[in-house]
N, C-alpha and C. Protein backbone atom coordinates (compact mmCIF):
# COMPACT_ATOMS: atom_id res chain seq x y z
N UNK A 1 5.02 -9.33 18.61
CA UNK A 1 5.01 -9.59 17.19
C UNK A 1 3.57 -9.91 16.77
N UNK A 2 3.18 -9.45 15.59
CA UNK A 2 1.84 -9.71 15.08
C UNK A 2 1.78 -11.14 14.54
N UNK A 3 0.75 -11.90 14.92
CA UNK A 3 0.62 -13.26 14.39
C UNK A 3 0.51 -13.24 12.86
N UNK A 4 0.94 -14.31 12.17
CA UNK A 4 0.90 -14.34 10.71
C UNK A 4 -0.49 -14.11 10.13
N UNK A 5 -1.55 -14.43 10.87
CA UNK A 5 -2.89 -14.27 10.33
C UNK A 5 -3.32 -12.80 10.28
N UNK A 6 -2.64 -11.92 10.99
CA UNK A 6 -3.06 -10.52 11.05
C UNK A 6 -3.07 -9.81 9.71
N UNK A 7 -2.02 -9.91 8.87
CA UNK A 7 -2.09 -9.22 7.57
C UNK A 7 -3.29 -9.68 6.75
N UNK A 8 -3.60 -10.97 6.79
CA UNK A 8 -4.76 -11.47 6.06
C UNK A 8 -6.04 -10.89 6.64
N UNK A 9 -6.13 -10.83 7.95
CA UNK A 9 -7.31 -10.26 8.59
C UNK A 9 -7.44 -8.78 8.25
N UNK A 10 -6.32 -8.07 8.20
CA UNK A 10 -6.34 -6.66 7.83
C UNK A 10 -6.83 -6.50 6.40
N UNK A 11 -6.35 -7.34 5.49
CA UNK A 11 -6.79 -7.29 4.10
C UNK A 11 -8.29 -7.50 4.01
N UNK A 12 -8.78 -8.47 4.75
CA UNK A 12 -10.21 -8.76 4.71
C UNK A 12 -11.03 -7.60 5.27
N UNK A 13 -10.54 -6.95 6.32
CA UNK A 13 -11.28 -5.83 6.88
C UNK A 13 -11.27 -4.64 5.93
N UNK A 14 -10.16 -4.42 5.23
CA UNK A 14 -10.11 -3.34 4.24
C UNK A 14 -11.07 -3.64 3.10
N UNK A 15 -11.10 -4.88 2.65
CA UNK A 15 -12.03 -5.24 1.58
C UNK A 15 -13.48 -5.03 2.01
N UNK A 16 -13.80 -5.42 3.25
CA UNK A 16 -15.17 -5.21 3.74
C UNK A 16 -15.51 -3.73 3.79
N UNK A 17 -14.56 -2.92 4.26
CA UNK A 17 -14.80 -1.48 4.33
C UNK A 17 -15.00 -0.90 2.92
N UNK A 18 -14.17 -1.33 1.97
CA UNK A 18 -14.32 -0.84 0.59
C UNK A 18 -15.65 -1.29 0.00
N UNK A 19 -16.02 -2.53 0.23
CA UNK A 19 -17.28 -3.04 -0.29
C UNK A 19 -18.46 -2.28 0.31
N UNK A 20 -18.32 -1.83 1.55
CA UNK A 20 -19.40 -1.11 2.22
C UNK A 20 -19.44 0.36 1.82
N UNK A 21 -18.30 1.04 1.84
CA UNK A 21 -18.28 2.49 1.67
C UNK A 21 -18.14 2.96 0.22
N UNK A 22 -17.41 2.24 -0.62
CA UNK A 22 -17.24 2.71 -2.00
C UNK A 22 -18.54 2.86 -2.77
N UNK A 23 -19.51 1.95 -2.60
CA UNK A 23 -20.77 2.15 -3.32
C UNK A 23 -21.50 3.44 -2.92
N UNK A 24 -21.16 4.03 -1.77
CA UNK A 24 -21.79 5.28 -1.35
C UNK A 24 -21.18 6.49 -2.06
N UNK A 25 -20.03 6.30 -2.68
CA UNK A 25 -19.33 7.41 -3.35
C UNK A 25 -19.91 7.65 -4.74
N UNK A 26 -19.87 8.89 -5.16
CA UNK A 26 -20.27 9.23 -6.53
C UNK A 26 -19.11 8.97 -7.49
N UNK A 27 -17.90 9.17 -6.98
CA UNK A 27 -16.73 9.09 -7.84
C UNK A 27 -15.50 8.84 -6.96
N UNK A 28 -14.55 8.10 -7.48
CA UNK A 28 -13.29 7.86 -6.78
C UNK A 28 -12.16 8.35 -7.68
N UNK A 29 -11.25 9.11 -7.10
CA UNK A 29 -10.08 9.60 -7.84
C UNK A 29 -8.86 8.86 -7.33
N UNK A 30 -8.00 8.49 -8.24
CA UNK A 30 -6.75 7.84 -7.86
C UNK A 30 -5.65 8.22 -8.82
N UNK A 31 -4.42 8.01 -8.41
CA UNK A 31 -3.27 8.37 -9.24
C UNK A 31 -2.74 7.19 -10.04
N UNK A 32 -2.86 6.00 -9.51
CA UNK A 32 -2.22 4.83 -10.10
C UNK A 32 -3.25 4.04 -10.91
N UNK A 33 -3.07 4.03 -12.24
CA UNK A 33 -4.04 3.40 -13.13
C UNK A 33 -4.39 1.96 -12.82
N UNK A 34 -3.40 1.07 -12.63
CA UNK A 34 -3.75 -0.33 -12.33
C UNK A 34 -4.57 -0.49 -11.04
N UNK A 35 -4.26 0.30 -10.03
CA UNK A 35 -5.03 0.21 -8.79
C UNK A 35 -6.45 0.72 -9.01
N UNK A 36 -6.58 1.79 -9.79
CA UNK A 36 -7.91 2.31 -10.11
C UNK A 36 -8.72 1.27 -10.89
N UNK A 37 -8.05 0.54 -11.77
CA UNK A 37 -8.73 -0.50 -12.55
C UNK A 37 -9.25 -1.60 -11.63
N UNK A 38 -8.47 -1.95 -10.60
CA UNK A 38 -8.93 -2.98 -9.65
C UNK A 38 -10.14 -2.50 -8.86
N UNK A 39 -10.13 -1.23 -8.49
CA UNK A 39 -11.29 -0.67 -7.78
C UNK A 39 -12.50 -0.72 -8.70
N UNK A 40 -12.32 -0.36 -9.97
CA UNK A 40 -13.41 -0.37 -10.93
C UNK A 40 -13.97 -1.78 -11.13
N UNK A 41 -13.09 -2.79 -11.17
CA UNK A 41 -13.54 -4.17 -11.34
C UNK A 41 -14.44 -4.61 -10.19
N UNK A 42 -14.12 -4.18 -8.98
CA UNK A 42 -14.91 -4.58 -7.80
C UNK A 42 -16.19 -3.78 -7.67
N UNK A 43 -16.25 -2.60 -8.32
CA UNK A 43 -17.40 -1.71 -8.19
C UNK A 43 -17.76 -1.16 -9.56
N UNK A 44 -18.38 -1.98 -10.39
CA UNK A 44 -18.62 -1.62 -11.79
C UNK A 44 -19.49 -0.36 -11.94
N UNK A 45 -20.40 -0.09 -11.02
CA UNK A 45 -21.28 1.07 -11.14
C UNK A 45 -20.59 2.37 -10.73
N UNK A 46 -19.43 2.27 -10.11
CA UNK A 46 -18.72 3.43 -9.59
C UNK A 46 -17.85 4.06 -10.67
N UNK A 47 -17.84 5.38 -10.71
CA UNK A 47 -16.96 6.07 -11.66
C UNK A 47 -15.59 6.23 -11.00
N UNK A 48 -14.57 5.68 -11.62
CA UNK A 48 -13.21 5.76 -11.10
C UNK A 48 -12.38 6.56 -12.11
N UNK A 49 -11.74 7.63 -11.62
CA UNK A 49 -11.00 8.54 -12.50
C UNK A 49 -9.53 8.53 -12.08
N UNK A 50 -8.65 8.39 -13.07
CA UNK A 50 -7.21 8.49 -12.82
C UNK A 50 -6.83 9.95 -12.98
N UNK A 51 -6.30 10.54 -11.92
CA UNK A 51 -5.88 11.95 -11.91
C UNK A 51 -4.35 11.98 -11.87
N UNK A 52 -3.71 12.62 -12.85
CA UNK A 52 -2.24 12.69 -12.81
C UNK A 52 -1.77 13.47 -11.58
N UNK A 53 -0.66 13.06 -11.04
CA UNK A 53 -0.08 13.74 -9.89
C UNK A 53 0.62 15.01 -10.34
N UNK A 54 0.65 16.01 -9.48
CA UNK A 54 1.38 17.23 -9.76
C UNK A 54 2.87 17.07 -9.51
N UNK A 55 3.25 15.96 -8.91
CA UNK A 55 4.66 15.70 -8.60
C UNK A 55 5.25 14.79 -9.67
N UNK A 56 6.51 15.01 -10.02
CA UNK A 56 7.12 14.11 -10.99
C UNK A 56 7.31 12.71 -10.40
N UNK A 57 7.29 11.72 -11.26
CA UNK A 57 7.54 10.36 -10.80
C UNK A 57 9.00 10.25 -10.36
N UNK A 58 9.27 9.37 -9.40
CA UNK A 58 10.66 9.19 -8.99
C UNK A 58 11.46 8.59 -10.14
N UNK A 59 12.78 8.75 -10.11
CA UNK A 59 13.59 8.17 -11.19
C UNK A 59 13.36 6.67 -11.29
N UNK A 60 13.29 6.18 -12.49
CA UNK A 60 13.03 4.75 -12.67
C UNK A 60 14.34 4.01 -12.91
N UNK A 61 15.07 3.82 -11.85
CA UNK A 61 16.29 3.02 -11.93
C UNK A 61 16.19 1.93 -10.89
N UNK A 62 16.89 0.87 -11.14
CA UNK A 62 16.94 -0.22 -10.18
C UNK A 62 18.33 -0.23 -9.55
N UNK A 63 18.40 -0.13 -8.24
CA UNK A 63 19.71 -0.16 -7.61
C UNK A 63 20.36 -1.52 -7.80
N UNK A 64 21.67 -1.51 -7.83
CA UNK A 64 22.39 -2.77 -7.95
C UNK A 64 22.42 -3.45 -6.58
N UNK A 65 22.08 -4.73 -6.53
CA UNK A 65 22.14 -5.43 -5.25
C UNK A 65 23.55 -5.36 -4.67
N UNK A 66 23.63 -5.08 -3.39
CA UNK A 66 24.91 -5.05 -2.71
C UNK A 66 25.62 -3.72 -2.77
N UNK A 67 25.19 -2.82 -3.63
CA UNK A 67 25.87 -1.53 -3.76
C UNK A 67 25.17 -0.47 -2.94
N UNK A 68 23.86 -0.43 -2.98
CA UNK A 68 23.11 0.58 -2.24
C UNK A 68 22.77 0.00 -0.87
N UNK A 69 23.10 0.71 0.17
CA UNK A 69 22.86 0.19 1.52
C UNK A 69 21.92 1.10 2.30
N UNK A 70 20.92 1.60 1.60
CA UNK A 70 19.97 2.50 2.23
C UNK A 70 18.58 1.90 2.11
N UNK A 71 17.86 1.89 3.21
CA UNK A 71 16.46 1.47 3.21
C UNK A 71 15.66 2.58 3.85
N UNK A 72 14.62 3.01 3.17
CA UNK A 72 13.74 4.03 3.72
C UNK A 72 12.37 3.40 3.86
N UNK A 73 11.82 3.45 5.05
CA UNK A 73 10.50 2.92 5.30
C UNK A 73 9.65 4.06 5.84
N UNK A 74 8.60 4.39 5.11
CA UNK A 74 7.67 5.43 5.53
C UNK A 74 6.39 4.74 5.96
N UNK A 75 6.02 4.90 7.21
CA UNK A 75 4.84 4.21 7.71
C UNK A 75 4.35 4.89 8.98
N UNK A 76 3.16 4.55 9.38
CA UNK A 76 2.60 4.99 10.65
C UNK A 76 2.99 3.93 11.68
N UNK A 77 3.97 4.24 12.50
CA UNK A 77 4.46 3.24 13.46
C UNK A 77 3.58 3.13 14.70
N UNK A 78 2.52 3.92 14.75
CA UNK A 78 1.53 3.73 15.80
C UNK A 78 0.63 2.54 15.49
N UNK A 79 0.69 2.05 14.26
CA UNK A 79 -0.08 0.88 13.83
C UNK A 79 0.82 -0.34 14.01
N UNK A 80 0.39 -1.25 14.86
CA UNK A 80 1.20 -2.39 15.27
C UNK A 80 1.87 -3.17 14.16
N UNK A 81 1.13 -3.58 13.10
CA UNK A 81 1.78 -4.35 12.04
C UNK A 81 2.93 -3.60 11.36
N UNK A 82 2.81 -2.29 11.22
CA UNK A 82 3.91 -1.52 10.62
C UNK A 82 5.13 -1.53 11.53
N UNK A 83 4.91 -1.30 12.82
CA UNK A 83 6.02 -1.30 13.77
C UNK A 83 6.68 -2.67 13.84
N UNK A 84 5.86 -3.72 13.86
CA UNK A 84 6.40 -5.08 13.90
C UNK A 84 7.18 -5.41 12.63
N UNK A 85 6.69 -4.97 11.49
CA UNK A 85 7.39 -5.21 10.23
C UNK A 85 8.73 -4.51 10.20
N UNK A 86 8.78 -3.26 10.68
CA UNK A 86 10.05 -2.53 10.72
C UNK A 86 11.03 -3.22 11.69
N UNK A 87 10.52 -3.65 12.83
CA UNK A 87 11.36 -4.35 13.81
C UNK A 87 11.90 -5.64 13.20
N UNK A 88 11.03 -6.41 12.53
CA UNK A 88 11.46 -7.65 11.90
C UNK A 88 12.55 -7.37 10.87
N UNK A 89 12.37 -6.33 10.05
CA UNK A 89 13.34 -6.03 9.01
C UNK A 89 14.69 -5.65 9.62
N UNK A 90 14.68 -4.84 10.68
CA UNK A 90 15.94 -4.45 11.32
C UNK A 90 16.62 -5.67 11.94
N UNK A 91 15.86 -6.51 12.62
CA UNK A 91 16.43 -7.68 13.27
C UNK A 91 16.97 -8.70 12.28
N UNK A 92 16.27 -8.93 11.20
CA UNK A 92 16.65 -9.96 10.24
C UNK A 92 17.56 -9.47 9.12
N UNK A 93 17.42 -8.20 8.73
CA UNK A 93 18.14 -7.71 7.55
C UNK A 93 19.11 -6.60 7.88
N UNK A 94 19.19 -6.22 9.14
CA UNK A 94 20.08 -5.11 9.52
C UNK A 94 21.55 -5.43 9.33
N UNK A 95 22.36 -4.45 9.62
CA UNK A 95 23.81 -4.65 9.46
C UNK A 95 24.30 -5.83 10.28
N UNK A 96 25.23 -6.53 9.72
CA UNK A 96 25.81 -7.68 10.42
C UNK A 96 27.28 -7.55 10.49
């Protein structure tokens, strides 16, 4: 199991990488406006462009708690924290 400090350490390493590499970019393209705005806030000199996706957005409905019993997790399970998170979810939230 990944120690609790690992997600925080991962966040910090991603921030360091973004702080180092994003200033080298001429432009950043993203699909999600709020996330692009956060990138722009951290890198004011960088041009950040929101590009619409060619795919339609998924239906915007909220499943009723207790009625839908499907969980889909898409992740790279070769990355330890993802595998540990999936294992934790199955062990703690799986069928009983």
